[in-house]
Amino acid sequence: MMPKMLIVDDEPKLCACLKAYFTLKGLTVSVVYEGEKAIDRLAHESPDVILLDIRLPDISGIEVLKRARELCPQAKVIMVTALDQPEVREEAAAYGAVGYITKPFDLADPTWSLIFA
């Protein structure tokens, strides 16, 4: 069975690019653009990996991360953000994020390998 990924980001073009890339890598990818929609999706689906933006239009990615840990504790969560803030990085790690990638990012960054580990 192909691993499932949920991308949670409010940038449609970025989401489209990531979805195409990870689909080619053999993942089944779905996308949502808001935190509340991500939580709704996680209540019904169990992705293996969640790419989660910290800044979303409705609620923070950290709030989504907290709920994701409750709803899908087995999922690997990688935070994605334009702002690299050490306190947010630490908070994300404390709530179980396995990686933290800053935009613009390089798909050669070793953190992406966590998706396939």
PDB file of N, CA and C in Angstrom:
ATOM      1  N   MET A   1       0.838  -1.182   0.000  1.00  0.00           N
ATOM      2  CA  MET A   1       0.000   0.000   0.000  1.00  0.00           C
ATOM      3  C   MET A   1       0.885   1.249   0.000  1.00  0.00           C
ATOM      4  N   MET A   2       0.498   2.230  -0.789  1.00  0.00           N
ATOM      5  CA  MET A   2       1.286   3.451  -0.898  1.00  0.00           C
ATOM      6  C   MET A   2       1.108   4.302   0.360  1.00  0.00           C
ATOM      7  N   PRO A   3       2.215   4.881   0.863  1.00  0.00           N
ATOM      8  CA  PRO A   3       2.093   5.771   2.020  1.00  0.00           C
ATOM      9  C   PRO A   3       1.206   6.970   1.677  1.00  0.00           C
ATOM     10  N   LYS A   4       0.477   7.444   2.697  1.00  0.00           N
ATOM     11  CA  LYS A   4      -0.421   8.581   2.504  1.00  0.00           C
ATOM     12  C   LYS A   4       0.167   9.825   3.157  1.00  0.00           C
ATOM     13  N   MET A   5       0.036  10.956   2.441  1.00  0.00           N
ATOM     14  CA  MET A   5       0.524  12.232   2.939  1.00  0.00           C
ATOM     15  C   MET A   5      -0.603  13.251   2.907  1.00  0.00           C
ATOM     16  N   LEU A   6      -0.659  14.073   3.946  1.00  0.00           N
ATOM     17  CA  LEU A   6      -1.566  15.210   3.967  1.00  0.00           C
ATOM     18  C   LEU A   6      -0.710  16.471   3.997  1.00  0.00           C
ATOM     19  N   ILE A   7      -0.942  17.360   3.037  1.00  0.00           N
ATOM     20  CA  ILE A   7      -0.261  18.654   2.999  1.00  0.00           C
ATOM     21  C   ILE A   7      -1.247  19.695   3.502  1.00  0.00           C
ATOM     22  N   VAL A   8      -0.830  20.479   4.496  1.00  0.00           N
ATOM     23  CA  VAL A   8      -1.667  21.529   5.070  1.00  0.00           C
ATOM     24  C   VAL A   8      -0.908  22.842   4.906  1.00  0.00           C
ATOM     25  N   ASP A   9      -1.313  23.627   3.909  1.00  0.00           N
ATOM     26  CA  ASP A   9      -0.637  24.899   3.608  1.00  0.00           C
ATOM     27  C   ASP A   9      -1.614  25.778   2.850  1.00  0.00           C
ATOM     28  N   ASP A  10      -1.510  27.076   3.063  1.00  0.00           N
ATOM     29  CA  ASP A  10      -2.455  27.996   2.420  1.00  0.00           C
ATOM     30  C   ASP A  10      -1.941  28.567   1.102  1.00  0.00           C
ATOM     31  N   GLU A  11      -0.865  27.997   0.570  1.00  0.00           N
ATOM     32  CA  GLU A  11      -0.329  28.440  -0.716  1.00  0.00           C
ATOM     33  C   GLU A  11      -0.650  27.388  -1.782  1.00  0.00           C
ATOM     34  N   PRO A  12      -1.705  27.597  -2.575  1.00  0.00           N
ATOM     35  CA  PRO A  12      -2.122  26.578  -3.551  1.00  0.00           C
ATOM     36  C   PRO A  12      -1.036  26.165  -4.543  1.00  0.00           C
ATOM     37  N   LYS A  13      -0.235  27.103  -5.029  1.00  0.00           N
ATOM     38  CA  LYS A  13       0.808  26.734  -6.000  1.00  0.00           C
ATOM     39  C   LYS A  13       1.859  25.842  -5.364  1.00  0.00           C
ATOM     40  N   LEU A  14       2.256  26.170  -4.148  1.00  0.00           N
ATOM     41  CA  LEU A  14       3.223  25.338  -3.432  1.00  0.00           C
ATOM     42  C   LEU A  14       2.643  23.943  -3.207  1.00  0.00           C
ATOM     43  N   CYS A  15       1.394  23.888  -2.784  1.00  0.00           N
ATOM     44  CA  CYS A  15       0.743  22.598  -2.549  1.00  0.00           C
ATOM     45  C   CYS A  15       0.696  21.762  -3.826  1.00  0.00           C
ATOM     46  N   ALA A  16       0.381  22.400  -4.936  1.00  0.00           N
ATOM     47  CA  ALA A  16       0.309  21.681  -6.214  1.00  0.00           C
ATOM     48  C   ALA A  16       1.674  21.103  -6.587  1.00  0.00           C
ATOM     49  N   CYS A  17       2.716  21.875  -6.384  1.00  0.00           N
ATOM     50  CA  CYS A  17       4.072  21.395  -6.698  1.00  0.00           C
ATOM     51  C   CYS A  17       4.477  20.234  -5.793  1.00  0.00           C
ATOM     52  N   LEU A  18       4.224  20.390  -4.494  1.00  0.00           N
ATOM     53  CA  LEU A  18       4.570  19.320  -3.558  1.00  0.00           C
ATOM     54  C   LEU A  18       3.752  18.060  -3.822  1.00  0.00           C
ATOM     55  N   LYS A  19       2.483  18.239  -4.131  1.00  0.00           N
ATOM     56  CA  LYS A  19       1.639  17.079  -4.425  1.00  0.00           C
ATOM     57  C   LYS A  19       2.172  16.331  -5.649  1.00  0.00           C
ATOM     58  N   ALA A  20       2.512  17.066  -6.700  1.00  0.00           N
ATOM     59  CA  ALA A  20       3.047  16.427  -7.906  1.00  0.00           C
ATOM     60  C   ALA A  20       4.357  15.697  -7.597  1.00  0.00           C
ATOM     61  N   TYR A  21       5.232  16.343  -6.864  1.00  0.00           N
ATOM     62  CA  TYR A  21       6.540  15.766  -6.532  1.00  0.00           C
ATOM     63  C   TYR A  21       6.384  14.471  -5.730  1.00  0.00           C
ATOM     64  N   PHE A  22       5.588  14.534  -4.649  1.00  0.00           N
ATOM     65  CA  PHE A  22       5.469  13.356  -3.786  1.00  0.00           C
ATOM     66  C   PHE A  22       4.608  12.263  -4.403  1.00  0.00           C
ATOM     67  N   THR A  23       3.707  12.607  -5.295  1.00  0.00           N
ATOM     68  CA  THR A  23       2.966  11.593  -6.033  1.00  0.00           C
ATOM     69  C   THR A  23       3.925  10.806  -6.929  1.00  0.00           C
ATOM     70  N   LEU A  24       4.851  11.515  -7.568  1.00  0.00           N
ATOM     71  CA  LEU A  24       5.864  10.843  -8.391  1.00  0.00           C
ATOM     72  C   LEU A  24       6.770   9.944  -7.551  1.00  0.00           C
ATOM     73  N   LYS A  25       6.929  10.294  -6.290  1.00  0.00           N
ATOM     74  CA  LYS A  25       7.757   9.493  -5.380  1.00  0.00           C
ATOM     75  C   LYS A  25       6.991   8.301  -4.806  1.00  0.00           C
ATOM     76  N   GLY A  26       5.705   8.165  -5.188  1.00  0.00           N
ATOM     77  CA  GLY A  26       4.944   6.988  -4.795  1.00  0.00           C
ATOM     78  C   GLY A  26       3.998   7.172  -3.626  1.00  0.00           C
ATOM     79  N   LEU A  27       3.758   8.406  -3.204  1.00  0.00           N
ATOM     80  CA  LEU A  27       2.828   8.639  -2.110  1.00  0.00           C
ATOM     81  C   LEU A  27       1.449   9.002  -2.641  1.00  0.00           C
ATOM     82  N   THR A  28       0.430   8.701  -1.863  1.00  0.00           N
ATOM     83  CA  THR A  28      -0.918   9.176  -2.130  1.00  0.00           C
ATOM     84  C   THR A  28      -1.046  10.482  -1.355  1.00  0.00           C
ATOM     85  N   VAL A  29      -1.284  11.585  -2.062  1.00  0.00           N
ATOM     86  CA  VAL A  29      -1.230  12.909  -1.439  1.00  0.00           C
ATOM     87  C   VAL A  29      -2.583  13.604  -1.501  1.00  0.00           C
ATOM     88  N   SER A  30      -2.994  14.162  -0.363  1.00  0.00           N
ATOM     89  CA  SER A  30      -4.163  15.033  -0.334  1.00  0.00           C
ATOM     90  C   SER A  30      -3.739  16.369   0.259  1.00  0.00           C
ATOM     91  N   VAL A  31      -4.526  17.399  -0.037  1.00  0.00           N
ATOM     92  CA  VAL A  31      -4.173  18.766   0.331  1.00  0.00           C
ATOM     93  C   VAL A  31      -5.364  19.453   0.971  1.00  0.00           C
ATOM     94  N   VAL A  32      -5.111  20.224   2.018  1.00  0.00           N
ATOM     95  CA  VAL A  32      -6.095  21.146   2.574  1.00  0.00           C
ATOM     96  C   VAL A  32      -5.379  22.473   2.815  1.00  0.00           C
ATOM     97  N   TYR A  33      -6.138  23.556   2.790  1.00  0.00           N
ATOM     98  CA  TYR A  33      -5.560  24.899   2.880  1.00  0.00           C
ATOM     99  C   TYR A  33      -5.820  25.599   4.209  1.00  0.00           C
ATOM    100  N   GLU A  34      -6.545  24.949   5.115  1.00  0.00           N
ATOM    101  CA  GLU A  34      -6.880  25.560   6.399  1.00  0.00           C
ATOM    102  C   GLU A  34      -6.717  24.535   7.521  1.00  0.00           C
ATOM    103  N   GLY A  35      -6.402  25.043   8.707  1.00  0.00           N
ATOM    104  CA  GLY A  35      -6.181  24.172   9.847  1.00  0.00           C
ATOM    105  C   GLY A  35      -7.398  23.386  10.283  1.00  0.00           C
ATOM    106  N   GLU A  36      -8.558  24.042  10.337  1.00  0.00           N
ATOM    107  CA  GLU A  36      -9.779  23.345  10.758  1.00  0.00           C
ATOM    108  C   GLU A  36     -10.128  22.224   9.773  1.00  0.00           C
ATOM    109  N   LYS A  37      -9.911  22.467   8.494  1.00  0.00           N
ATOM    110  CA  LYS A  37     -10.174  21.423   7.501  1.00  0.00           C
ATOM    111  C   LYS A  37      -9.198  20.262   7.673  1.00  0.00           C
ATOM    112  N   ALA A  38      -7.973  20.578   8.070  1.00  0.00           N
ATOM    113  CA  ALA A  38      -6.988  19.523   8.324  1.00  0.00           C
ATOM    114  C   ALA A  38      -7.449  18.644   9.487  1.00  0.00           C
ATOM    115  N   ILE A  39      -7.928  19.276  10.554  1.00  0.00           N
ATOM    116  CA  ILE A  39      -8.402  18.518  11.713  1.00  0.00           C
ATOM    117  C   ILE A  39      -9.588  17.646  11.327  1.00  0.00           C
ATOM    118  N   ASP A  40     -10.512  18.194  10.542  1.00  0.00           N
ATOM    119  CA  ASP A  40     -11.645  17.396  10.058  1.00  0.00           C
ATOM    120  C   ASP A  40     -11.165  16.197   9.258  1.00  0.00           C
ATOM    121  N   ARG A  41     -10.197  16.426   8.382  1.00  0.00           N
ATOM    122  CA  ARG A  41      -9.662  15.343   7.548  1.00  0.00           C
ATOM    123  C   ARG A  41      -9.002  14.274   8.421  1.00  0.00           C
ATOM    124  N   LEU A  42      -8.231  14.728   9.433  1.00  0.00           N
ATOM    125  CA  LEU A  42      -7.523  13.780  10.297  1.00  0.00           C
ATOM    126  C   LEU A  42      -8.472  12.954  11.155  1.00  0.00           C
ATOM    127  N   ALA A  43      -9.660  13.470  11.386  1.00  0.00           N
ATOM    128  CA  ALA A  43     -10.657  12.714  12.145  1.00  0.00           C
ATOM    129  C   ALA A  43     -11.187  11.531  11.341  1.00  0.00           C
ATOM    130  N   HIS A  44     -11.008  11.567  10.015  1.00  0.00           N
ATOM    131  CA  HIS A  44     -11.544  10.516   9.148  1.00  0.00           C
ATOM    132  C   HIS A  44     -10.476   9.737   8.385  1.00  0.00           C
ATOM    133  N   GLU A  45      -9.287  10.273   8.318  1.00  0.00           N
ATOM    134  CA  GLU A  45      -8.190   9.623   7.589  1.00  0.00           C
ATOM    135  C   GLU A  45      -6.969   9.559   8.493  1.00  0.00           C
ATOM    136  N   SER A  46      -6.098   8.623   8.223  1.00  0.00           N
ATOM    137  CA  SER A  46      -4.860   8.495   8.990  1.00  0.00           C
ATOM    138  C   SER A  46      -3.670   8.520   8.047  1.00  0.00           C
ATOM    139  N   PRO A  47      -3.165   9.712   7.735  1.00  0.00           N
ATOM    140  CA  PRO A  47      -1.998   9.763   6.860  1.00  0.00           C
ATOM    141  C   PRO A  47      -0.752   9.255   7.584  1.00  0.00           C
ATOM    142  N   ASP A  48       0.218   8.826   6.803  1.00  0.00           N
ATOM    143  CA  ASP A  48       1.495   8.396   7.365  1.00  0.00           C
ATOM    144  C   ASP A  48       2.381   9.603   7.652  1.00  0.00           C
ATOM    145  N   VAL A  49       2.211  10.645   6.831  1.00  0.00           N
ATOM    146  CA  VAL A  49       3.028  11.856   6.930  1.00  0.00           C
ATOM    147  C   VAL A  49       2.124  13.075   6.791  1.00  0.00           C
ATOM    148  N   ILE A  50       2.416  14.109   7.584  1.00  0.00           N
ATOM    149  CA  ILE A  50       1.709  15.378   7.474  1.00  0.00           C
ATOM    150  C   ILE A  50       2.746  16.479   7.290  1.00  0.00           C
ATOM    151  N   LEU A  51       2.639  17.208   6.180  1.00  0.00           N
ATOM    152  CA  LEU A  51       3.437  18.426   5.995  1.00  0.00           C
ATOM    153  C   LEU A  51       2.546  19.565   6.448  1.00  0.00           C
ATOM    154  N   LEU A  52       2.977  20.309   7.447  1.00  0.00           N
ATOM    155  CA  LEU A  52       2.103  21.255   8.121  1.00  0.00           C
ATOM    156  C   LEU A  52       2.731  22.633   8.220  1.00  0.00           C
ATOM    157  N   ASP A  53       2.093  23.602   7.573  1.00  0.00           N
ATOM    158  CA  ASP A  53       2.539  24.985   7.662  1.00  0.00           C
ATOM    159  C   ASP A  53       2.209  25.527   9.050  1.00  0.00           C
ATOM    160  N   ILE A  54       3.064  26.359   9.588  1.00  0.00           N
ATOM    161  CA  ILE A  54       2.815  26.927  10.909  1.00  0.00           C
ATOM    162  C   ILE A  54       1.792  28.057  10.833  1.00  0.00           C
ATOM    163  N   ARG A  55       1.864  28.870   9.779  1.00  0.00           N
ATOM    164  CA  ARG A  55       0.931  29.986   9.654  1.00  0.00           C
ATOM    165  C   ARG A  55      -0.179  29.621   8.678  1.00  0.00           C
ATOM    166  N   LEU A  56      -1.367  29.457   9.231  1.00  0.00           N
ATOM    167  CA  LEU A  56      -2.543  29.131   8.432  1.00  0.00           C
ATOM    168  C   LEU A  56      -3.569  30.243   8.623  1.00  0.00           C
ATOM    169  N   PRO A  57      -4.527  30.377   7.706  1.00  0.00           N
ATOM    170  CA  PRO A  57      -5.456  31.502   7.786  1.00  0.00           C
ATOM    171  C   PRO A  57      -6.440  31.455   8.954  1.00  0.00           C
ATOM    172  N   ASP A  58      -6.687  30.258   9.501  1.00  0.00           N
ATOM    173  CA  ASP A  58      -7.692  30.176  10.557  1.00  0.00           C
ATOM    174  C   ASP A  58      -7.105  29.900  11.938  1.00  0.00           C
ATOM    175  N   ILE A  59      -6.366  28.828  12.092  1.00  0.00           N
ATOM    176  CA  ILE A  59      -5.722  28.512  13.369  1.00  0.00           C
ATOM    177  C   ILE A  59      -4.255  28.206  13.110  1.00  0.00           C
ATOM    178  N   SER A  60      -3.458  28.221  14.158  1.00  0.00           N
ATOM    179  CA  SER A  60      -2.024  27.998  13.966  1.00  0.00           C
ATOM    180  C   SER A  60      -1.712  26.534  13.672  1.00  0.00           C
ATOM    181  N   GLY A  61      -0.623  26.337  12.963  1.00  0.00           N
ATOM    182  CA  GLY A  61      -0.166  24.984  12.687  1.00  0.00           C
ATOM    183  C   GLY A  61       0.174  24.228  13.960  1.00  0.00           C
ATOM    184  N   ILE A  62       0.599  24.958  15.007  1.00  0.00           N
ATOM    185  CA  ILE A  62       0.888  24.300  16.281  1.00  0.00           C
ATOM    186  C   ILE A  62      -0.398  23.708  16.861  1.00  0.00           C
ATOM    187  N   GLU A  63      -1.517  24.427  16.750  1.00  0.00           N
ATOM    188  CA  GLU A  63      -2.792  23.886  17.218  1.00  0.00           C
ATOM    189  C   GLU A  63      -3.182  22.644  16.415  1.00  0.00           C
ATOM    190  N   VAL A  64      -2.957  22.685  15.114  1.00  0.00           N
ATOM    191  CA  VAL A  64      -3.244  21.519  14.277  1.00  0.00           C
ATOM    192  C   VAL A  64      -2.335  20.358  14.685  1.00  0.00           C
ATOM    193  N   LEU A  65      -1.067  20.661  14.956  1.00  0.00           N
ATOM    194  CA  LEU A  65      -0.116  19.631  15.388  1.00  0.00           C
ATOM    195  C   LEU A  65      -0.598  18.952  16.669  1.00  0.00           C
ATOM    196  N   LYS A  66      -1.060  19.737  17.637  1.00  0.00           N
ATOM    197  CA  LYS A  66      -1.557  19.170  18.893  1.00  0.00           C
ATOM    198  C   LYS A  66      -2.708  18.198  18.633  1.00  0.00           C
ATOM    199  N   ARG A  67      -3.648  18.595  17.796  1.00  0.00           N
ATOM    200  CA  ARG A  67      -4.794  17.734  17.477  1.00  0.00           C
ATOM    201  C   ARG A  67      -4.356  16.521  16.660  1.00  0.00           C
ATOM    202  N   ALA A  68      -3.392  16.722  15.753  1.00  0.00           N
ATOM    203  CA  ALA A  68      -2.893  15.611  14.938  1.00  0.00           C
ATOM    204  C   ALA A  68      -2.277  14.531  15.820  1.00  0.00           C
ATOM    205  N   ARG A  69      -1.594  14.926  16.880  1.00  0.00           N
ATOM    206  CA  ARG A  69      -0.984  13.958  17.790  1.00  0.00           C
ATOM    207  C   ARG A  69      -2.072  13.119  18.468  1.00  0.00           C
ATOM    208  N   GLU A  70      -3.225  13.741  18.746  1.00  0.00           N
ATOM    209  CA  GLU A  70      -4.338  13.013  19.366  1.00  0.00           C
ATOM    210  C   GLU A  70      -5.034  12.095  18.356  1.00  0.00           C
ATOM    211  N   LEU A  71      -5.269  12.625  17.161  1.00  0.00           N
ATOM    212  CA  LEU A  71      -6.060  11.899  16.159  1.00  0.00           C
ATOM    213  C   LEU A  71      -5.258  10.860  15.385  1.00  0.00           C
ATOM    214  N   CYS A  72      -4.005  11.155  15.111  1.00  0.00           N
ATOM    215  CA  CYS A  72      -3.155  10.266  14.306  1.00  0.00           C
ATOM    216  C   CYS A  72      -1.769  10.182  14.945  1.00  0.00           C
ATOM    217  N   PRO A  73      -1.652   9.577  16.107  1.00  0.00           N
ATOM    218  CA  PRO A  73      -0.368   9.588  16.815  1.00  0.00           C
ATOM    219  C   PRO A  73       0.778   8.931  16.056  1.00  0.00           C
ATOM    220  N   GLN A  74       0.461   8.055  15.100  1.00  0.00           N
ATOM    221  CA  GLN A  74       1.513   7.366  14.346  1.00  0.00           C
ATOM    222  C   GLN A  74       2.077   8.216  13.207  1.00  0.00           C
ATOM    223  N   ALA A  75       1.398   9.286  12.828  1.00  0.00           N
ATOM    224  CA  ALA A  75       1.826  10.097  11.671  1.00  0.00           C
ATOM    225  C   ALA A  75       3.103  10.872  11.983  1.00  0.00           C
ATOM    226  N   LYS A  76       3.988  10.911  11.002  1.00  0.00           N
ATOM    227  CA  LYS A  76       5.169  11.771  11.097  1.00  0.00           C
ATOM    228  C   LYS A  76       4.736  13.163  10.668  1.00  0.00           C
ATOM    229  N   VAL A  77       5.042  14.162  11.486  1.00  0.00           N
ATOM    230  CA  VAL A  77       4.666  15.527  11.159  1.00  0.00           C
ATOM    231  C   VAL A  77       5.932  16.340  10.919  1.00  0.00           C
ATOM    232  N   ILE A  78       5.979  16.973   9.750  1.00  0.00           N
ATOM    233  CA  ILE A  78       7.079  17.877   9.417  1.00  0.00           C
ATOM    234  C   ILE A  78       6.484  19.269   9.269  1.00  0.00           C
ATOM    235  N   MET A  79       6.980  20.189  10.069  1.00  0.00           N
ATOM    236  CA  MET A  79       6.502  21.569  10.031  1.00  0.00           C
ATOM    237  C   MET A  79       7.210  22.309   8.893  1.00  0.00           C
ATOM    238  N   VAL A  80       6.466  23.178   8.218  1.00  0.00           N
ATOM    239  CA  VAL A  80       6.993  23.976   7.117  1.00  0.00           C
ATOM    240  C   VAL A  80       6.632  25.431   7.414  1.00  0.00           C
ATOM    241  N   THR A  81       7.615  26.333   7.298  1.00  0.00           N
ATOM    242  CA  THR A  81       7.336  27.726   7.607  1.00  0.00           C
ATOM    243  C   THR A  81       8.290  28.670   6.888  1.00  0.00           C
ATOM    244  N   ALA A  82       7.828  29.884   6.681  1.00  0.00           N
ATOM    245  CA  ALA A  82       8.680  30.914   6.093  1.00  0.00           C
ATOM    246  C   ALA A  82       9.538  31.584   7.160  1.00  0.00           C
ATOM    247  N   LEU A  83       9.123  31.485   8.409  1.00  0.00           N
ATOM    248  CA  LEU A  83       9.835  32.132   9.505  1.00  0.00           C
ATOM    249  C   LEU A  83      10.469  31.090  10.407  1.00  0.00           C
ATOM    250  N   ASP A  84      11.792  31.115  10.508  1.00  0.00           N
ATOM    251  CA  ASP A  84      12.480  30.171  11.376  1.00  0.00           C
ATOM    252  C   ASP A  84      12.631  30.814  12.753  1.00  0.00           C
ATOM    253  N   GLN A  85      11.716  30.476  13.638  1.00  0.00           N
ATOM    254  CA  GLN A  85      11.732  31.021  14.990  1.00  0.00           C
ATOM    255  C   GLN A  85      12.101  29.898  15.957  1.00  0.00           C
ATOM    256  N   PRO A  86      13.236  30.030  16.667  1.00  0.00           N
ATOM    257  CA  PRO A  86      13.675  28.945  17.554  1.00  0.00           C
ATOM    258  C   PRO A  86      12.622  28.505  18.570  1.00  0.00           C
ATOM    259  N   GLU A  87      11.850  29.450  19.129  1.00  0.00           N
ATOM    260  CA  GLU A  87      10.850  29.066  20.126  1.00  0.00           C
ATOM    261  C   GLU A  87       9.719  28.255  19.501  1.00  0.00           C
ATOM    262  N   VAL A  88       9.374  28.562  18.248  1.00  0.00           N
ATOM    263  CA  VAL A  88       8.330  27.798  17.559  1.00  0.00           C
ATOM    264  C   VAL A  88       8.873  26.427  17.182  1.00  0.00           C
ATOM    265  N   ARG A  89      10.108  26.383  16.758  1.00  0.00           N
ATOM    266  CA  ARG A  89      10.753  25.100  16.434  1.00  0.00           C
ATOM    267  C   ARG A  89      10.747  24.191  17.661  1.00  0.00           C
ATOM    268  N   GLU A  90      11.098  24.747  18.822  1.00  0.00           N
ATOM    269  CA  GLU A  90      11.116  23.967  20.065  1.00  0.00           C
ATOM    270  C   GLU A  90       9.716  23.509  20.460  1.00  0.00           C
ATOM    271  N   GLU A  91       8.726  24.393  20.301  1.00  0.00           N
ATOM    272  CA  GLU A  91       7.349  24.038  20.633  1.00  0.00           C
ATOM    273  C   GLU A  91       6.857  22.913  19.727  1.00  0.00           C
ATOM    274  N   ALA A  92       7.168  23.016  18.438  1.00  0.00           N
ATOM    275  CA  ALA A  92       6.761  21.969  17.493  1.00  0.00           C
ATOM    276  C   ALA A  92       7.395  20.631  17.861  1.00  0.00           C
ATOM    277  N   ALA A  93       8.673  20.656  18.217  1.00  0.00           N
ATOM    278  CA  ALA A  93       9.357  19.423  18.611  1.00  0.00           C
ATOM    279  C   ALA A  93       8.737  18.856  19.890  1.00  0.00           C
ATOM    280  N   ALA A  94       8.379  19.728  20.820  1.00  0.00           N
ATOM    281  CA  ALA A  94       7.775  19.277  22.070  1.00  0.00           C
ATOM    282  C   ALA A  94       6.438  18.576  21.827  1.00  0.00           C
ATOM    283  N   TYR A  95       5.731  18.989  20.784  1.00  0.00           N
ATOM    284  CA  TYR A  95       4.449  18.351  20.458  1.00  0.00           C
ATOM    285  C   TYR A  95       4.591  17.218  19.446  1.00  0.00           C
ATOM    286  N   GLY A  96       5.815  16.825  19.158  1.00  0.00           N
ATOM    287  CA  GLY A  96       6.011  15.625  18.367  1.00  0.00           C
ATOM    288  C   GLY A  96       6.356  15.794  16.901  1.00  0.00           C
ATOM    289  N   ALA A  97       6.610  17.022  16.449  1.00  0.00           N
ATOM    290  CA  ALA A  97       7.043  17.185  15.051  1.00  0.00           C
ATOM    291  C   ALA A  97       8.428  16.554  14.898  1.00  0.00           C
ATOM    292  N   VAL A  98       8.611  15.798  13.832  1.00  0.00           N
ATOM    293  CA  VAL A  98       9.894  15.121  13.611  1.00  0.00           C
ATOM    294  C   VAL A  98      10.860  15.951  12.773  1.00  0.00           C
ATOM    295  N   GLY A  99      10.348  17.005  12.131  1.00  0.00           N
ATOM    296  CA  GLY A  99      11.198  17.850  11.301  1.00  0.00           C
ATOM    297  C   GLY A  99      10.626  19.243  11.176  1.00  0.00           C
ATOM    298  N   TYR A 100      11.479  20.150  10.708  1.00  0.00           N
ATOM    299  CA  TYR A 100      11.112  21.563  10.600  1.00  0.00           C
ATOM    300  C   TYR A 100      11.866  22.102   9.399  1.00  0.00           C
ATOM    301  N   ILE A 101      11.142  22.534   8.382  1.00  0.00           N
ATOM    302  CA  ILE A 101      11.767  23.005   7.134  1.00  0.00           C
ATOM    303  C   ILE A 101      11.326  24.440   6.887  1.00  0.00           C
ATOM    304  N   THR A 102      12.284  25.295   6.531  1.00  0.00           N
ATOM    305  CA  THR A 102      11.944  26.691   6.249  1.00  0.00           C
ATOM    306  C   THR A 102      11.836  26.925   4.750  1.00  0.00           C
ATOM    307  N   LYS A 103      10.877  27.792   4.394  1.00  0.00           N
ATOM    308  CA  LYS A 103      10.672  28.208   2.999  1.00  0.00           C
ATOM    309  C   LYS A 103      11.571  29.410   2.731  1.00  0.00           C
ATOM    310  N   PRO A 104      12.055  29.582   1.542  1.00  0.00           N
ATOM    311  CA  PRO A 104      12.021  28.599   0.448  1.00  0.00           C
ATOM    312  C   PRO A 104      12.907  27.411   0.812  1.00  0.00           C
ATOM    313  N   PHE A 105      12.507  26.243   0.383  1.00  0.00           N
ATOM    314  CA  PHE A 105      13.256  25.058   0.758  1.00  0.00           C
ATOM    315  C   PHE A 105      13.836  24.371  -0.458  1.00  0.00           C
ATOM    316  N   ASP A 106      14.751  23.477  -0.153  1.00  0.00           N
ATOM    317  CA  ASP A 106      15.437  22.685  -1.162  1.00  0.00           C
ATOM    318  C   ASP A 106      14.984  21.241  -0.956  1.00  0.00           C
ATOM    319  N   LEU A 107      14.465  20.615  -1.980  1.00  0.00           N
ATOM    320  CA  LEU A 107      14.013  19.232  -1.847  1.00  0.00           C
ATOM    321  C   LEU A 107      15.158  18.261  -1.610  1.00  0.00           C
ATOM    322  N   ALA A 108      16.402  18.752  -1.712  1.00  0.00           N
ATOM    323  CA  ALA A 108      17.559  17.927  -1.383  1.00  0.00           C
ATOM    324  C   ALA A 108      17.885  17.984   0.118  1.00  0.00           C
ATOM    325  N   ASP A 109      17.169  18.836   0.875  1.00  0.00           N
ATOM    326  CA  ASP A 109      17.375  18.937   2.316  1.00  0.00           C
ATOM    327  C   ASP A 109      17.175  17.556   2.936  1.00  0.00           C
ATOM    328  N   PRO A 110      18.089  17.108   3.791  1.00  0.00           N
ATOM    329  CA  PRO A 110      17.966  15.765   4.374  1.00  0.00           C
ATOM    330  C   PRO A 110      16.708  15.561   5.228  1.00  0.00           C
ATOM    331  N   THR A 111      16.097  16.640   5.704  1.00  0.00           N
ATOM    332  CA  THR A 111      14.884  16.500   6.497  1.00  0.00           C
ATOM    333  C   THR A 111      13.779  15.805   5.711  1.00  0.00           C
ATOM    334  N   TRP A 112      13.733  16.021   4.387  1.00  0.00           N
ATOM    335  CA  TRP A 112      12.700  15.369   3.571  1.00  0.00           C
ATOM    336  C   TRP A 112      12.805  13.858   3.630  1.00  0.00           C
ATOM    337  N   SER A 113      14.003  13.333   3.876  1.00  0.00           N
ATOM    338  CA  SER A 113      14.174  11.866   3.932  1.00  0.00           C
ATOM    339  C   SER A 113      13.375  11.247   5.074  1.00  0.00           C
ATOM    340  N   LEU A 114      12.994  12.057   6.074  1.00  0.00           N
ATOM    341  CA  LEU A 114      12.181  11.532   7.173  1.00  0.00           C
ATOM    342  C   LEU A 114      10.843  10.986   6.676  1.00  0.00           C
ATOM    343  N   ILE A 115      10.381  11.515   5.562  1.00  0.00           N
ATOM    344  CA  ILE A 115       9.107  11.064   4.996  1.00  0.00           C
ATOM    345  C   ILE A 115       9.174   9.603   4.607  1.00  0.00           C
ATOM    346  N   PHE A 116      10.324   9.168   4.152  1.00  0.00           N
ATOM    347  CA  PHE A 116      10.470   7.815   3.627  1.00  0.00           C
ATOM    348  C   PHE A 116      11.121   6.857   4.618  1.00  0.00           C
ATOM    349  N   ALA A 117      11.449   7.360   5.798  1.00  0.00           N
ATOM    350  CA  ALA A 117      12.143   6.513   6.802  1.00  0.00           C
ATOM    351  C   ALA A 117      11.163   5.610   7.523  1.00  0.00           C
TER     352      ALA A 117
END
